[in-house]
């Protein structure tokens, strides 16, 4: 009987007895995990109890088999600890990324020049507040649009494309091109183009720094008179 097992405290023996009683009550095999302190040590077992019936249909014996699973339990506990540690690391990284994003966004929007971020398909994926004010578009109005929308003409767009191809190895390069605002106003923009590289040392995005130089050009024209 459970009470007769050596090295088991009375409370543990009661828990073992409760499982025997459950097996009899349910009248079928039961399988469960249990921890039984034996001689002062925690012993984990995967136990199966099976009732045996006599010819009259009554249970006359319970056959039990137990598999020692201390190593399995230890491994599961270690995996859970690793998972908890990983979740903490992810939480810390997300927090750091959130702070970095806030810092980046603050710097991005506080720059005096217009900043435009585009992908390989020449689609607009981000721009700062200065760019938004410069071209007269709302903060999200241009997202996903082709960059051709901000040029004075298809010819200017094509001219800029050729300049980009000619200076792919330059980091950065500067070019003056005519842009057009949402209201139709045309202005000369001094544009610096940068090619940031990702962790794989490849470039999939382009940053354009645009400065309206209308006043400077007009001042130069006045001096030439």
Protein backbone atom coordinates (compact mmCIF):
# COMPACT_ATOMS: atom_id res chain seq x y z
CA UNK A 1 0.00 0.00 0.00
CA UNK A 2 1.14 3.64 -0.39
CA UNK A 3 1.43 3.99 3.36
CA UNK A 4 3.91 1.11 3.45
CA UNK A 5 6.29 2.59 0.88
CA UNK A 6 9.63 3.42 2.53
CA UNK A 7 10.80 7.01 2.85
CA UNK A 8 7.45 8.61 1.96
CA UNK A 9 5.94 11.15 4.36
CA UNK A 10 2.29 10.65 5.42
CA UNK A 11 0.93 13.55 3.34
CA UNK A 12 2.53 12.16 0.17
CA UNK A 13 1.16 8.72 0.96
CA UNK A 14 -2.33 10.25 1.21
CA UNK A 15 -1.93 11.78 -2.27
CA UNK A 16 -0.89 8.39 -3.67
CA UNK A 17 -3.87 6.76 -1.94
CA UNK A 18 -6.18 9.41 -3.45
CA UNK A 19 -5.05 8.41 -6.95
CA UNK A 20 -5.67 4.73 -6.17
CA UNK A 21 -9.17 5.62 -5.00
CA UNK A 22 -9.74 7.66 -8.19
CA UNK A 23 -8.70 4.70 -10.32
CA UNK A 24 -11.21 2.48 -8.50
CA UNK A 25 -13.92 5.14 -8.71
CA UNK A 26 -13.44 5.67 -12.47
CA UNK A 27 -12.99 1.96 -13.12
CA UNK A 28 -10.39 2.46 -15.82
CA UNK A 29 -6.70 3.16 -16.33
CA UNK A 30 -5.55 6.61 -15.33
CA UNK A 31 -2.26 8.29 -16.18
CA UNK A 32 -0.82 11.26 -14.32
CA UNK A 33 2.33 13.01 -13.21
CA UNK A 34 3.18 13.24 -9.54
CA UNK A 35 5.92 14.44 -7.26
CA UNK A 36 6.60 12.17 -4.31
CA UNK A 37 9.18 13.21 -1.70
CA UNK A 38 11.30 10.20 -0.94
CA UNK A 39 14.00 10.25 1.72
CA UNK A 40 13.93 14.04 1.63
CA UNK A 41 14.34 14.37 -2.15
CA UNK A 42 11.79 15.42 -4.77
CA UNK A 43 11.07 12.50 -7.08
CA UNK A 44 8.95 13.06 -10.18
CA UNK A 45 7.06 10.19 -11.74
CA UNK A 46 4.79 9.50 -14.69
CA UNK A 47 2.40 6.93 -13.26
CA UNK A 48 -0.22 4.67 -14.79
CA UNK A 49 -2.74 2.79 -12.65
CA UNK A 50 -4.83 0.03 -14.19
CA UNK A 51 -7.66 -1.80 -12.39
CA UNK A 52 -7.95 -5.58 -12.80
CA UNK A 53 -11.39 -7.19 -12.72
CA UNK A 54 -12.37 -10.69 -11.56
CA UNK A 55 -14.93 -12.92 -13.21
CA UNK A 56 -17.70 -11.24 -11.24
CA UNK A 57 -16.77 -7.83 -12.62
CA UNK A 58 -15.28 -6.50 -9.43
CA UNK A 59 -11.88 -4.81 -9.09
CA UNK A 60 -9.61 -7.03 -7.09
CA UNK A 61 -6.26 -5.45 -7.77
CA UNK A 62 -4.63 -2.28 -9.13
CA UNK A 63 -1.49 -2.61 -11.19
CA UNK A 64 0.73 0.44 -11.20
CA UNK A 65 3.71 1.38 -13.34
CA UNK A 66 5.82 4.47 -12.79
CA UNK A 67 8.52 6.06 -14.90
CA UNK A 68 11.10 8.21 -13.20
CA UNK A 69 11.00 11.62 -15.01
CA UNK A 70 13.24 13.85 -12.89
CA UNK A 71 15.45 14.60 -15.88
CA UNK A 72 12.45 15.43 -18.04
CA UNK A 73 11.07 17.79 -15.40
CA UNK A 74 14.49 19.43 -15.03
CA UNK A 75 14.73 19.91 -18.79
CA UNK A 76 11.24 21.43 -18.92
CA UNK A 77 12.09 23.78 -16.08
CA UNK A 78 15.29 24.86 -17.85
CA UNK A 79 13.36 25.43 -21.09
CA UNK A 80 10.80 27.51 -19.23
CA UNK A 81 13.59 29.54 -17.66
CA UNK A 82 15.15 30.10 -21.08
CA UNK A 83 11.75 31.18 -22.39
CA UNK A 84 11.30 33.61 -19.49
CA UNK A 85 14.78 35.03 -20.09
CA UNK A 86 14.09 35.37 -23.82
CA UNK A 87 10.81 37.18 -23.12
CA UNK A 88 12.66 39.59 -20.84
CA UNK A 89 15.31 40.21 -23.50
CA UNK A 90 12.61 40.83 -26.14
CA UNK A 91 10.78 43.17 -23.79
CA UNK A 92 14.00 45.09 -23.07
CA UNK A 93 14.86 45.29 -26.80
CA UNK A 94 11.35 46.46 -27.68
CA UNK A 95 11.64 49.13 -25.01
CA UNK A 96 15.03 50.20 -26.36
CA UNK A 97 13.70 50.22 -29.92
CA UNK A 98 10.72 52.28 -28.78
CA UNK A 99 13.05 54.83 -27.21
CA UNK A 100 15.24 54.79 -30.33
CA UNK A 101 12.19 55.29 -32.54
CA UNK A 102 11.07 58.25 -30.42
CA UNK A 103 14.56 59.74 -30.55
CA UNK A 104 14.78 59.13 -34.30
CA UNK A 105 11.33 60.63 -34.88
CA UNK A 106 12.24 63.70 -32.83
CA UNK A 107 15.44 64.30 -34.79
CA UNK A 108 13.69 63.46 -38.05
CA UNK A 109 10.92 66.00 -37.59
CA UNK A 110 13.05 68.78 -36.07
CA UNK A 111 15.44 69.09 -39.01
CA UNK A 112 15.23 72.35 -40.94
CA UNK A 113 15.51 70.61 -44.32
CA UNK A 114 12.93 68.36 -45.90
CA UNK A 115 13.70 64.67 -45.45
CA UNK A 116 12.28 62.08 -47.83
CA UNK A 117 12.66 58.32 -47.44
CA UNK A 118 11.98 56.15 -50.51
CA UNK A 119 12.36 52.50 -51.48
CA UNK A 120 13.80 50.75 -54.53
CA UNK A 121 10.50 51.15 -56.39
CA UNK A 122 10.72 54.95 -56.00
CA UNK A 123 7.79 54.86 -53.60
CA UNK A 124 7.56 57.31 -50.73
CA UNK A 125 7.69 55.52 -47.37
CA UNK A 126 8.30 58.42 -44.98
CA UNK A 127 8.97 62.15 -44.77
CA UNK A 128 9.39 64.68 -42.02
CA UNK A 129 7.31 67.68 -40.99
CA UNK A 130 9.55 70.13 -42.86
CA UNK A 131 9.02 68.21 -46.10
CA UNK A 132 5.27 68.19 -45.44
CA UNK A 133 5.23 71.97 -44.99
CA UNK A 134 7.54 72.52 -47.95
CA UNK A 135 5.33 70.62 -50.40
CA UNK A 136 1.95 71.29 -48.79
CA UNK A 137 0.96 67.66 -48.30
CA UNK A 138 -0.42 66.21 -45.08
CA UNK A 139 1.70 63.81 -43.04
CA UNK A 140 0.38 60.62 -44.64
CA UNK A 141 -0.93 61.94 -47.95
CA UNK A 142 2.09 60.87 -50.00
CA UNK A 143 2.86 57.51 -48.38
CA UNK A 144 3.03 54.79 -51.02
CA UNK A 145 2.96 57.29 -53.89
CA UNK A 146 5.61 57.43 -56.62
CA UNK A 147 8.19 60.18 -56.20
CA UNK A 148 7.28 61.58 -59.62
CA UNK A 149 4.40 63.40 -57.90
CA UNK A 150 6.77 65.95 -56.33
CA UNK A 151 8.70 66.90 -59.49
CA UNK A 152 7.87 69.87 -61.69
CA UNK A 153 7.60 67.70 -64.80
CA UNK A 154 8.26 64.19 -66.14
CA UNK A 155 11.45 65.61 -67.63
CA UNK A 156 12.71 66.73 -64.23
CA UNK A 157 11.80 63.31 -62.78
CA UNK A 158 13.74 61.60 -65.57
CA UNK A 159 16.67 63.97 -65.12
CA UNK A 160 16.86 63.11 -61.43
CA UNK A 161 16.69 59.38 -62.25
CA UNK A 162 19.67 59.67 -64.58
CA UNK A 163 21.59 61.63 -61.96
CA UNK A 164 20.92 58.93 -59.38
CA UNK A 165 22.19 56.18 -61.70
CA UNK A 166 25.29 58.21 -62.50
CA UNK A 167 26.13 58.70 -58.81
CA UNK A 168 25.26 55.31 -57.30
CA UNK A 169 28.77 54.94 -55.91
CA UNK A 170 28.82 58.46 -54.47
CA UNK A 171 27.84 58.86 -50.85
CA UNK A 172 26.29 61.34 -50.77
CA UNK A 173 25.85 63.43 -53.91
CA UNK A 174 24.08 66.77 -54.39
CA UNK A 175 21.87 67.89 -57.24
CA UNK A 176 19.59 70.84 -57.98
CA UNK A 177 16.21 69.96 -59.45
CA UNK A 178 12.86 71.69 -59.86
CA UNK A 179 10.10 70.45 -57.56
CA UNK A 180 6.39 71.23 -57.52
CA UNK A 181 4.23 71.67 -54.44
CA UNK A 182 0.66 70.47 -54.03
CA UNK A 183 -0.59 73.96 -54.94
CA UNK A 184 1.44 73.96 -58.16
CA UNK A 185 4.24 76.25 -57.03
CA UNK A 186 7.60 75.33 -58.58
CA UNK A 187 10.83 75.83 -56.65
CA UNK A 188 14.48 74.83 -57.10
CA UNK A 189 15.55 72.27 -54.55
CA UNK A 190 19.12 71.48 -53.61
CA UNK A 191 18.97 67.75 -52.95
CA UNK A 192 21.46 65.61 -51.10
CA UNK A 193 21.00 61.87 -51.62
CA UNK A 194 22.21 59.26 -49.12
CA UNK A 195 22.16 55.47 -49.37
CA UNK A 196 21.89 53.92 -45.88
CA UNK A 197 22.92 50.26 -45.67
CA UNK A 198 21.23 47.58 -43.59
CA UNK A 199 22.83 44.86 -41.46
CA UNK A 200 23.52 42.86 -44.65
CA UNK A 201 25.44 45.79 -46.14
CA UNK A 202 22.79 46.18 -48.83
CA UNK A 203 20.89 49.32 -49.76
CA UNK A 204 17.12 49.14 -50.21
CA UNK A 205 16.19 52.69 -49.22
CA UNK A 206 17.26 56.18 -50.15
CA UNK A 207 17.21 59.34 -48.06
CA UNK A 208 16.86 62.67 -49.84
CA UNK A 209 17.58 65.93 -48.01
CA UNK A 210 15.80 68.75 -49.82
CA UNK A 211 16.40 72.46 -49.30
CA UNK A 212 14.42 75.21 -51.02
CA UNK A 213 17.05 77.54 -52.51
CA UNK A 214 14.67 79.97 -54.21
CA UNK A 215 15.86 82.91 -52.09
CA UNK A 216 19.51 82.11 -52.73
CA UNK A 217 19.03 81.88 -56.48
CA UNK A 218 16.99 85.10 -56.57
CA UNK A 219 19.70 86.87 -54.56
CA UNK A 220 22.37 85.65 -57.00
CA UNK A 221 20.29 86.93 -59.93
CA UNK A 222 19.99 90.33 -58.27
CA UNK A 223 23.76 90.53 -57.89
CA UNK A 224 24.23 89.79 -61.59
CA UNK A 225 22.09 92.76 -62.63
